[in-house]
């Protein structure tokens, strides 16, 4: 996981300046449960019209980064805090007014893997920071928004062995 100190001066200027030549864009990639096949690519801002996805009925805006198209959907992202006492967690609220993302979350049956990349609108192929190894641990949606809580698997708090020696699991011992 990247730390804030690894951001370029242009990215820091884009984050904290009221006026900047470039905007900081968050790219969200949701993978299948194996973490290999991207299901959805979303961006919280746009730089151009995505011609490959635009139809006569609908114009799609987004970002092309490293030859991948990310669809613009308004999002509110809370990035993980850097704490040593707990596993990193962050949350995302996706304003899915087009219902593009709702059908995808209805098809999920296990926790999908997530990747968050921060890029500048002036250079979307250069990744400023990347947050990997996150999984959707909780998701809910309504008519206005999709809310997802992301967390990392913390093996330090997982029970070992995976079963407790209880009469339910090991009746012959009792």
N, C-alpha and C. Protein backbone atom coordinates (compact mmCIF):
# COMPACT_ATOMS: atom_id res chain seq x y z
N UNK A 1 0.84 -1.16 0.00
CA UNK A 1 0.00 0.00 0.00
C UNK A 1 0.89 1.23 0.00
N UNK A 2 0.59 2.21 -0.80
CA UNK A 2 1.40 3.42 -0.89
C UNK A 2 1.07 4.37 0.24
N UNK A 3 2.04 5.16 0.57
CA UNK A 3 1.85 6.18 1.60
C UNK A 3 1.74 7.54 0.92
N UNK A 4 1.18 8.50 1.64
CA UNK A 4 0.96 9.83 1.09
C UNK A 4 2.27 10.50 0.68
N UNK A 5 3.35 10.19 1.36
CA UNK A 5 4.63 10.83 1.06
C UNK A 5 5.19 10.42 -0.29
N UNK A 6 4.68 9.40 -0.92
CA UNK A 6 5.19 8.98 -2.21
C UNK A 6 4.49 9.68 -3.38
N UNK A 7 3.53 10.52 -3.09
CA UNK A 7 2.86 11.26 -4.16
C UNK A 7 3.79 12.31 -4.74
N UNK A 8 3.62 12.57 -6.02
CA UNK A 8 4.42 13.60 -6.67
C UNK A 8 3.97 14.99 -6.20
N UNK A 9 4.83 16.00 -6.37
CA UNK A 9 4.42 17.37 -6.01
C UNK A 9 3.17 17.84 -6.77
N UNK A 10 3.03 17.41 -8.03
CA UNK A 10 1.83 17.78 -8.80
C UNK A 10 0.57 17.16 -8.21
N UNK A 11 0.66 15.93 -7.72
CA UNK A 11 -0.50 15.27 -7.11
C UNK A 11 -0.86 15.95 -5.78
N UNK A 12 0.12 16.29 -5.00
CA UNK A 12 -0.15 16.98 -3.73
C UNK A 12 -0.75 18.35 -4.00
N UNK A 13 -0.25 19.05 -5.01
CA UNK A 13 -0.80 20.35 -5.39
C UNK A 13 -2.25 20.19 -5.85
N UNK A 14 -2.55 19.14 -6.61
CA UNK A 14 -3.92 18.91 -7.08
C UNK A 14 -4.86 18.60 -5.92
N UNK A 15 -4.35 17.94 -4.88
CA UNK A 15 -5.19 17.60 -3.73
C UNK A 15 -5.51 18.81 -2.87
N UNK A 16 -4.53 19.69 -2.65
CA UNK A 16 -4.69 20.74 -1.66
C UNK A 16 -4.91 22.13 -2.23
N UNK A 17 -4.73 22.31 -3.52
CA UNK A 17 -4.88 23.62 -4.13
C UNK A 17 -6.34 23.87 -4.51
N UNK A 18 -6.77 25.12 -4.34
CA UNK A 18 -8.13 25.46 -4.77
C UNK A 18 -8.21 25.55 -6.29
N UNK A 19 -7.10 25.92 -6.92
CA UNK A 19 -7.04 25.96 -8.37
C UNK A 19 -5.78 25.23 -8.81
N UNK A 20 -5.97 24.26 -9.66
CA UNK A 20 -4.84 23.48 -10.14
C UNK A 20 -5.04 23.19 -11.62
N UNK A 21 -3.93 22.98 -12.33
CA UNK A 21 -4.03 22.67 -13.75
C UNK A 21 -4.48 21.24 -13.97
N UNK A 22 -4.40 20.43 -12.94
CA UNK A 22 -4.74 19.02 -13.06
C UNK A 22 -5.55 18.59 -11.85
N UNK A 23 -6.48 17.67 -12.07
CA UNK A 23 -7.30 17.14 -10.98
C UNK A 23 -6.82 15.74 -10.62
N UNK A 24 -6.93 15.40 -9.34
CA UNK A 24 -6.60 14.05 -8.89
C UNK A 24 -7.83 13.17 -9.09
N UNK A 25 -7.67 12.08 -9.82
CA UNK A 25 -8.78 11.18 -10.16
C UNK A 25 -8.55 9.83 -9.51
N UNK A 26 -9.59 9.29 -8.91
CA UNK A 26 -9.53 7.95 -8.33
C UNK A 26 -10.13 6.96 -9.32
N UNK A 27 -9.35 5.94 -9.64
CA UNK A 27 -9.79 4.87 -10.52
C UNK A 27 -10.08 3.65 -9.67
N UNK A 28 -11.28 3.11 -9.79
CA UNK A 28 -11.71 1.96 -9.00
C UNK A 28 -11.89 0.77 -9.94
N UNK A 29 -11.19 -0.32 -9.64
CA UNK A 29 -11.34 -1.55 -10.40
C UNK A 29 -11.85 -2.62 -9.47
N UNK A 30 -12.96 -3.25 -9.85
CA UNK A 30 -13.53 -4.35 -9.07
C UNK A 30 -13.29 -5.63 -9.86
N UNK A 31 -12.60 -6.56 -9.22
CA UNK A 31 -12.25 -7.83 -9.86
C UNK A 31 -13.21 -8.92 -9.40
N UNK A 32 -13.14 -10.06 -10.07
CA UNK A 32 -13.90 -11.22 -9.62
C UNK A 32 -13.27 -11.74 -8.33
N UNK A 33 -13.85 -12.78 -7.77
CA UNK A 33 -13.37 -13.28 -6.48
C UNK A 33 -11.96 -13.85 -6.56
N UNK A 34 -11.52 -14.25 -7.73
CA UNK A 34 -10.14 -14.73 -7.89
C UNK A 34 -9.15 -13.59 -7.99
N UNK A 35 -9.64 -12.39 -8.27
CA UNK A 35 -8.77 -11.23 -8.39
C UNK A 35 -8.05 -11.15 -9.71
N UNK A 36 -8.57 -11.81 -10.74
CA UNK A 36 -7.88 -11.83 -12.03
C UNK A 36 -8.63 -11.09 -13.13
N UNK A 37 -9.94 -11.20 -13.15
CA UNK A 37 -10.74 -10.62 -14.23
C UNK A 37 -11.47 -9.38 -13.73
N UNK A 38 -11.24 -8.21 -14.36
CA UNK A 38 -11.97 -7.01 -13.95
C UNK A 38 -13.45 -7.11 -14.30
N UNK A 39 -14.32 -6.83 -13.33
CA UNK A 39 -15.76 -6.81 -13.57
C UNK A 39 -16.22 -5.42 -13.96
N UNK A 40 -15.72 -4.40 -13.25
CA UNK A 40 -16.14 -3.02 -13.46
C UNK A 40 -14.94 -2.11 -13.26
N UNK A 41 -14.86 -1.07 -14.09
CA UNK A 41 -13.85 -0.03 -13.92
C UNK A 41 -14.58 1.31 -13.86
N UNK A 42 -14.40 2.02 -12.74
CA UNK A 42 -15.09 3.29 -12.51
C UNK A 42 -14.07 4.38 -12.18
N UNK A 43 -14.43 5.63 -12.48
CA UNK A 43 -13.60 6.78 -12.15
C UNK A 43 -14.48 7.84 -11.51
N UNK A 44 -13.91 8.63 -10.59
CA UNK A 44 -14.69 9.66 -9.93
C UNK A 44 -14.62 11.01 -10.65
N UNK A 45 -14.03 11.04 -11.84
CA UNK A 45 -13.98 12.24 -12.65
C UNK A 45 -13.82 11.78 -14.10
N UNK A 46 -13.79 12.70 -15.03
CA UNK A 46 -13.62 12.31 -16.43
C UNK A 46 -12.68 13.26 -17.14
N UNK A 47 -12.06 12.75 -18.19
CA UNK A 47 -11.17 13.56 -19.01
C UNK A 47 -11.61 13.61 -20.46
N UNK A 48 -12.46 12.64 -20.85
CA UNK A 48 -12.87 12.60 -22.26
C UNK A 48 -14.13 11.77 -22.42
N UNK A 49 -14.62 11.75 -23.62
CA UNK A 49 -15.75 10.91 -24.01
C UNK A 49 -15.20 9.54 -24.40
N UNK A 50 -15.79 8.47 -23.86
CA UNK A 50 -15.35 7.12 -24.17
C UNK A 50 -16.12 6.67 -25.41
N UNK A 51 -15.48 6.77 -26.55
CA UNK A 51 -16.15 6.50 -27.83
C UNK A 51 -16.57 5.04 -27.95
N UNK A 52 -15.79 4.11 -27.42
CA UNK A 52 -16.10 2.69 -27.58
C UNK A 52 -17.38 2.30 -26.82
N UNK A 53 -17.77 3.06 -25.81
CA UNK A 53 -18.97 2.75 -25.03
C UNK A 53 -20.15 3.67 -25.34
N UNK A 54 -19.91 4.74 -26.08
CA UNK A 54 -20.96 5.70 -26.42
C UNK A 54 -21.86 5.14 -27.52
N UNK A 55 -23.17 5.29 -27.33
CA UNK A 55 -24.14 4.85 -28.33
C UNK A 55 -24.95 6.05 -28.79
N UNK A 56 -25.91 5.82 -29.69
CA UNK A 56 -26.78 6.90 -30.14
C UNK A 56 -27.70 7.39 -29.02
N UNK A 57 -28.01 6.52 -28.08
CA UNK A 57 -28.91 6.86 -26.99
C UNK A 57 -28.20 7.43 -25.76
N UNK A 58 -26.91 7.10 -25.59
CA UNK A 58 -26.21 7.47 -24.36
C UNK A 58 -24.76 7.82 -24.64
N UNK A 59 -24.32 8.94 -24.06
CA UNK A 59 -22.93 9.37 -24.16
C UNK A 59 -22.24 9.00 -22.85
N UNK A 60 -21.10 8.32 -22.95
CA UNK A 60 -20.37 7.87 -21.78
C UNK A 60 -19.07 8.65 -21.67
N UNK A 61 -18.84 9.23 -20.49
CA UNK A 61 -17.60 9.94 -20.22
C UNK A 61 -16.77 9.13 -19.24
N UNK A 62 -15.48 9.36 -19.26
CA UNK A 62 -14.62 8.65 -18.34
C UNK A 62 -13.16 8.98 -18.55
N UNK A 63 -12.31 8.03 -18.18
CA UNK A 63 -10.86 8.17 -18.24
C UNK A 63 -10.29 6.93 -18.89
N UNK A 64 -9.31 7.11 -19.76
CA UNK A 64 -8.55 5.98 -20.28
C UNK A 64 -7.18 6.03 -19.64
N UNK A 65 -6.86 4.98 -18.90
CA UNK A 65 -5.58 4.88 -18.21
C UNK A 65 -4.96 3.53 -18.53
N UNK A 66 -3.75 3.55 -19.05
CA UNK A 66 -3.02 2.33 -19.40
C UNK A 66 -3.88 1.40 -20.28
N UNK A 67 -4.50 1.97 -21.29
CA UNK A 67 -5.32 1.25 -22.28
C UNK A 67 -6.59 0.62 -21.70
N UNK A 68 -7.03 1.05 -20.53
CA UNK A 68 -8.28 0.58 -19.93
C UNK A 68 -9.22 1.76 -19.76
N UNK A 69 -10.49 1.56 -20.13
CA UNK A 69 -11.49 2.61 -20.00
C UNK A 69 -12.19 2.52 -18.65
N UNK A 70 -12.26 3.65 -17.94
CA UNK A 70 -12.94 3.76 -16.66
C UNK A 70 -14.14 4.68 -16.86
N UNK A 71 -15.30 4.22 -16.48
CA UNK A 71 -16.54 4.98 -16.66
C UNK A 71 -16.71 5.96 -15.51
N UNK A 72 -17.05 7.19 -15.85
CA UNK A 72 -17.27 8.22 -14.83
C UNK A 72 -18.59 7.98 -14.11
N UNK A 73 -18.50 7.82 -12.80
CA UNK A 73 -19.64 7.73 -11.91
C UNK A 73 -19.27 8.52 -10.66
N UNK A 74 -20.09 9.46 -10.22
CA UNK A 74 -19.73 10.22 -9.01
C UNK A 74 -19.54 9.29 -7.81
N UNK A 75 -18.42 9.47 -7.12
CA UNK A 75 -18.07 8.64 -5.97
C UNK A 75 -17.54 9.50 -4.85
N UNK A 76 -17.76 9.03 -3.65
CA UNK A 76 -17.14 9.62 -2.46
C UNK A 76 -16.31 8.52 -1.82
N UNK A 77 -15.02 8.77 -1.72
CA UNK A 77 -14.11 7.74 -1.23
C UNK A 77 -13.43 8.22 0.03
N UNK A 78 -13.45 7.38 1.04
CA UNK A 78 -12.70 7.62 2.26
C UNK A 78 -11.52 6.68 2.25
N UNK A 79 -10.32 7.23 2.07
CA UNK A 79 -9.12 6.40 1.98
C UNK A 79 -8.74 5.86 3.34
N UNK A 80 -7.98 4.76 3.36
CA UNK A 80 -7.63 4.15 4.64
C UNK A 80 -6.68 5.01 5.46
N UNK A 81 -6.87 4.98 6.77
CA UNK A 81 -5.96 5.66 7.68
C UNK A 81 -4.75 4.76 7.90
N UNK A 82 -3.61 5.39 8.14
CA UNK A 82 -2.39 4.62 8.37
C UNK A 82 -2.24 4.37 9.86
N UNK A 83 -2.79 3.28 10.33
CA UNK A 83 -2.73 2.91 11.73
C UNK A 83 -2.08 1.55 11.87
N UNK A 84 -1.29 1.39 12.92
CA UNK A 84 -0.68 0.10 13.17
C UNK A 84 -1.56 -0.80 14.02
N UNK A 85 -2.58 -0.24 14.65
CA UNK A 85 -3.39 -1.01 15.59
C UNK A 85 -4.52 -1.79 14.93
N UNK A 86 -4.86 -1.48 13.69
CA UNK A 86 -5.98 -2.16 13.03
C UNK A 86 -5.69 -2.32 11.55
N UNK A 87 -6.40 -3.26 10.95
CA UNK A 87 -6.26 -3.46 9.51
C UNK A 87 -6.87 -2.26 8.78
N UNK A 88 -6.28 -1.86 7.66
CA UNK A 88 -6.80 -0.70 6.93
C UNK A 88 -8.22 -0.95 6.42
N UNK A 89 -9.04 0.08 6.53
CA UNK A 89 -10.40 0.03 6.00
C UNK A 89 -10.70 1.34 5.29
N UNK A 90 -11.50 1.26 4.27
CA UNK A 90 -11.97 2.46 3.61
C UNK A 90 -13.39 2.21 3.13
N UNK A 91 -14.06 3.27 2.74
CA UNK A 91 -15.44 3.12 2.27
C UNK A 91 -15.63 3.93 1.00
N UNK A 92 -16.58 3.48 0.21
CA UNK A 92 -16.90 4.12 -1.05
C UNK A 92 -18.41 4.26 -1.15
N UNK A 93 -18.85 5.44 -1.52
CA UNK A 93 -20.26 5.68 -1.83
C UNK A 93 -20.32 6.02 -3.31
N UNK A 94 -20.99 5.18 -4.08
CA UNK A 94 -21.09 5.36 -5.52
C UNK A 94 -22.50 5.84 -5.84
N UNK A 95 -22.60 7.00 -6.44
CA UNK A 95 -23.89 7.57 -6.84
C UNK A 95 -24.28 6.96 -8.18
N UNK A 96 -24.92 5.80 -8.12
CA UNK A 96 -25.22 5.00 -9.30
C UNK A 96 -26.58 5.38 -9.88
N UNK A 97 -26.69 6.58 -10.38
CA UNK A 97 -27.98 7.04 -10.90
C UNK A 97 -28.33 6.35 -12.22
N UNK A 98 -27.35 5.82 -12.93
CA UNK A 98 -27.62 5.15 -14.20
C UNK A 98 -27.94 3.68 -14.02
N UNK A 99 -27.77 3.15 -12.83
CA UNK A 99 -27.98 1.73 -12.50
C UNK A 99 -26.99 0.83 -13.23
N UNK A 100 -25.86 1.40 -13.65
CA UNK A 100 -24.83 0.63 -14.33
C UNK A 100 -24.20 -0.40 -13.39
N UNK A 101 -23.96 -0.01 -12.16
CA UNK A 101 -23.23 -0.84 -11.20
C UNK A 101 -24.14 -1.78 -10.41
N UNK A 102 -25.42 -1.48 -10.33
CA UNK A 102 -26.35 -2.26 -9.51
C UNK A 102 -26.45 -3.71 -9.99
N UNK A 103 -26.52 -3.93 -11.28
CA UNK A 103 -26.61 -5.31 -11.78
C UNK A 103 -25.36 -6.10 -11.45
N UNK A 104 -24.21 -5.46 -11.41
CA UNK A 104 -22.97 -6.15 -11.07
C UNK A 104 -22.96 -6.58 -9.62
N UNK A 105 -23.40 -5.71 -8.71
CA UNK A 105 -23.37 -6.10 -7.30
C UNK A 105 -24.42 -7.15 -6.98
N UNK A 106 -25.49 -7.19 -7.74
CA UNK A 106 -26.48 -8.25 -7.53
C UNK A 106 -25.96 -9.61 -7.93
N UNK A 107 -24.99 -9.64 -8.84
CA UNK A 107 -24.45 -10.92 -9.29
C UNK A 107 -23.30 -11.42 -8.41
N UNK A 108 -22.85 -10.63 -7.45
CA UNK A 108 -21.75 -11.04 -6.59
C UNK A 108 -22.22 -12.06 -5.57
N UNK A 109 -21.43 -13.08 -5.37
CA UNK A 109 -21.76 -14.09 -4.36
C UNK A 109 -20.64 -14.24 -3.33
N UNK A 110 -19.50 -13.63 -3.59
CA UNK A 110 -18.37 -13.69 -2.68
C UNK A 110 -17.69 -12.32 -2.68
N UNK A 111 -16.77 -12.11 -1.76
CA UNK A 111 -16.11 -10.81 -1.64
C UNK A 111 -15.15 -10.56 -2.81
N UNK A 112 -15.48 -9.60 -3.68
CA UNK A 112 -14.58 -9.32 -4.80
C UNK A 112 -13.38 -8.48 -4.36
N UNK A 113 -12.30 -8.60 -5.10
CA UNK A 113 -11.09 -7.85 -4.84
C UNK A 113 -11.21 -6.47 -5.46
N UNK A 114 -10.61 -5.47 -4.83
CA UNK A 114 -10.70 -4.08 -5.25
C UNK A 114 -9.31 -3.51 -5.44
N UNK A 115 -9.17 -2.61 -6.40
CA UNK A 115 -7.93 -1.85 -6.56
C UNK A 115 -8.30 -0.39 -6.76
N UNK A 116 -7.67 0.50 -5.99
CA UNK A 116 -7.84 1.93 -6.11
C UNK A 116 -6.54 2.54 -6.61
N UNK A 117 -6.60 3.29 -7.70
CA UNK A 117 -5.43 3.98 -8.23
C UNK A 117 -5.72 5.47 -8.26
N UNK A 118 -4.74 6.26 -7.90
CA UNK A 118 -4.84 7.71 -7.99
C UNK A 118 -3.99 8.18 -9.14
N UNK A 119 -4.60 8.94 -10.06
CA UNK A 119 -3.90 9.47 -11.23
C UNK A 119 -4.25 10.95 -11.36
N UNK A 120 -3.46 11.66 -12.13
CA UNK A 120 -3.76 13.05 -12.45
C UNK A 120 -4.46 13.12 -13.79
N UNK A 121 -5.37 14.08 -13.94
CA UNK A 121 -6.10 14.21 -15.20
C UNK A 121 -5.16 14.58 -16.35
N UNK A 122 -4.06 15.23 -16.06
CA UNK A 122 -3.11 15.61 -17.11
C UNK A 122 -2.25 14.43 -17.56
N UNK A 123 -2.11 13.41 -16.70
CA UNK A 123 -1.30 12.23 -17.07
C UNK A 123 -1.94 10.98 -16.47
N UNK A 124 -3.05 10.50 -17.04
CA UNK A 124 -3.77 9.37 -16.46
C UNK A 124 -3.05 8.03 -16.56
N UNK A 125 -1.98 7.94 -17.35
CA UNK A 125 -1.23 6.68 -17.44
C UNK A 125 -0.20 6.53 -16.32
N UNK A 126 0.07 7.60 -15.61
CA UNK A 126 1.03 7.57 -14.51
C UNK A 126 0.26 7.41 -13.21
N UNK A 127 0.46 6.29 -12.54
CA UNK A 127 -0.25 6.02 -11.28
C UNK A 127 0.52 6.67 -10.14
N UNK A 128 -0.13 7.60 -9.46
CA UNK A 128 0.49 8.32 -8.34
C UNK A 128 0.54 7.45 -7.09
N UNK A 129 -0.54 6.76 -6.81
CA UNK A 129 -0.62 5.87 -5.65
C UNK A 129 -1.58 4.76 -5.98
N UNK A 130 -1.33 3.60 -5.41
CA UNK A 130 -2.17 2.45 -5.66
C UNK A 130 -2.47 1.74 -4.36
N UNK A 131 -3.73 1.40 -4.15
CA UNK A 131 -4.17 0.67 -2.96
C UNK A 131 -4.72 -0.67 -3.44
N UNK A 132 -4.02 -1.74 -3.13
CA UNK A 132 -4.40 -3.06 -3.60
C UNK A 132 -4.74 -3.95 -2.42
N UNK A 133 -5.19 -5.15 -2.72
CA UNK A 133 -5.51 -6.18 -1.72
C UNK A 133 -6.69 -5.83 -0.84
N UNK A 134 -7.55 -4.95 -1.29
CA UNK A 134 -8.79 -4.68 -0.57
C UNK A 134 -9.89 -5.57 -1.09
N UNK A 135 -10.82 -5.91 -0.23
CA UNK A 135 -11.98 -6.71 -0.59
C UNK A 135 -13.23 -5.98 -0.11
N UNK A 136 -14.33 -6.16 -0.82
CA UNK A 136 -15.60 -5.61 -0.34
C UNK A 136 -16.06 -6.50 0.80
N UNK A 137 -16.15 -5.92 1.99
CA UNK A 137 -16.57 -6.70 3.15
C UNK A 137 -18.03 -6.45 3.50
N UNK A 138 -18.58 -5.38 3.01
CA UNK A 138 -19.97 -5.05 3.30
C UNK A 138 -20.46 -4.15 2.17
N UNK A 139 -21.64 -4.45 1.64
CA UNK A 139 -22.18 -3.63 0.55
C UNK A 139 -23.68 -3.50 0.72
N UNK A 140 -24.18 -2.31 0.44
CA UNK A 140 -25.62 -2.06 0.48
C UNK A 140 -25.94 -1.05 -0.61
N UNK A 141 -27.19 -1.03 -1.03
CA UNK A 141 -27.58 -0.08 -2.06
C UNK A 141 -29.05 0.28 -1.90
N UNK A 142 -29.38 1.46 -2.42
CA UNK A 142 -30.75 1.92 -2.48
C UNK A 142 -30.94 2.64 -3.81
N UNK A 143 -31.99 3.41 -3.95
CA UNK A 143 -32.29 4.07 -5.23
C UNK A 143 -31.26 5.14 -5.59
N UNK A 144 -30.55 5.67 -4.60
CA UNK A 144 -29.61 6.76 -4.85
C UNK A 144 -28.15 6.35 -4.92
N UNK A 145 -27.76 5.37 -4.10
CA UNK A 145 -26.32 5.12 -3.97
C UNK A 145 -26.02 3.66 -3.64
N UNK A 146 -24.80 3.29 -3.95
CA UNK A 146 -24.24 2.00 -3.55
C UNK A 146 -23.15 2.32 -2.55
N UNK A 147 -23.22 1.72 -1.37
CA UNK A 147 -22.23 1.94 -0.34
C UNK A 147 -21.47 0.65 -0.09
N UNK A 148 -20.15 0.73 -0.18
CA UNK A 148 -19.31 -0.45 0.01
C UNK A 148 -18.24 -0.15 1.05
N UNK A 149 -18.07 -1.07 1.97
CA UNK A 149 -16.98 -0.98 2.93
C UNK A 149 -15.89 -1.92 2.46
N UNK A 150 -14.69 -1.39 2.38
CA UNK A 150 -13.56 -2.18 1.91
C UNK A 150 -12.63 -2.46 3.07
N UNK A 151 -12.10 -3.66 3.11
CA UNK A 151 -11.15 -3.99 4.17
C UNK A 151 -10.13 -4.98 3.63
N UNK A 152 -9.03 -5.05 4.33
CA UNK A 152 -7.99 -6.03 3.98
C UNK A 152 -8.17 -7.22 4.90
N UNK A 153 -7.82 -8.37 4.40
CA UNK A 153 -7.89 -9.57 5.24
C UNK A 153 -6.71 -9.51 6.20
N UNK A 154 -7.00 -9.53 7.48
CA UNK A 154 -5.97 -9.49 8.50
C UNK A 154 -5.85 -10.88 9.11
N UNK A 155 -4.84 -11.60 8.69
CA UNK A 155 -4.67 -12.97 9.16
C UNK A 155 -4.27 -13.04 10.63
N UNK A 156 -3.84 -11.93 11.21
CA UNK A 156 -3.45 -11.91 12.62
C UNK A 156 -4.66 -12.07 13.53
N UNK A 157 -5.85 -11.67 13.07
CA UNK A 157 -7.04 -11.78 13.92
C UNK A 157 -7.92 -12.97 13.54
N UNK A 158 -7.52 -13.71 12.52
CA UNK A 158 -8.28 -14.91 12.14
C UNK A 158 -7.98 -16.03 13.13
N UNK A 159 -8.99 -16.81 13.51
CA UNK A 159 -8.74 -17.90 14.45
C UNK A 159 -7.92 -19.02 13.81
N UNK A 160 -7.03 -19.60 14.60
CA UNK A 160 -6.24 -20.73 14.13
C UNK A 160 -6.25 -21.78 15.21
N UNK A 161 -6.54 -22.98 14.93
CA UNK A 161 -7.04 -23.47 13.65
C UNK A 161 -8.42 -22.91 13.37
N UNK A 162 -8.90 -23.14 12.18
CA UNK A 162 -10.14 -22.47 11.75
C UNK A 162 -11.35 -22.92 12.56
N UNK A 163 -11.30 -24.07 13.17
CA UNK A 163 -12.42 -24.52 14.00
C UNK A 163 -12.00 -24.53 15.46
N UNK A 164 -12.93 -24.18 16.33
CA UNK A 164 -12.70 -24.30 17.76
C UNK A 164 -13.10 -25.71 18.18
N UNK A 165 -12.45 -26.20 19.18
CA UNK A 165 -12.78 -27.54 19.67
C UNK A 165 -14.03 -27.43 20.54
N UNK A 166 -15.19 -27.52 19.90
CA UNK A 166 -16.47 -27.44 20.58
C UNK A 166 -17.23 -28.73 20.31
N UNK A 167 -18.23 -29.02 21.15
CA UNK A 167 -19.02 -30.24 20.91
C UNK A 167 -19.70 -30.25 19.55
N UNK A 168 -19.99 -29.09 18.99
CA UNK A 168 -20.64 -29.03 17.70
C UNK A 168 -19.73 -29.56 16.59
N UNK A 169 -18.46 -29.18 16.59
CA UNK A 169 -17.54 -29.61 15.56
C UNK A 169 -16.86 -30.95 15.87
N UNK A 170 -16.60 -31.20 17.16
CA UNK A 170 -15.87 -32.41 17.56
C UNK A 170 -16.65 -33.14 18.66
N UNK A 171 -17.76 -33.82 18.30
CA UNK A 171 -18.59 -34.44 19.33
C UNK A 171 -17.91 -35.62 20.04
N UNK A 172 -16.94 -36.26 19.40
CA UNK A 172 -16.28 -37.40 20.01
C UNK A 172 -15.35 -37.05 21.15
N UNK A 173 -14.96 -35.78 21.23
CA UNK A 173 -14.06 -35.36 22.30
C UNK A 173 -14.76 -35.14 23.62
N UNK A 174 -16.07 -34.96 23.58
CA UNK A 174 -16.78 -34.58 24.80
C UNK A 174 -17.71 -35.67 25.26
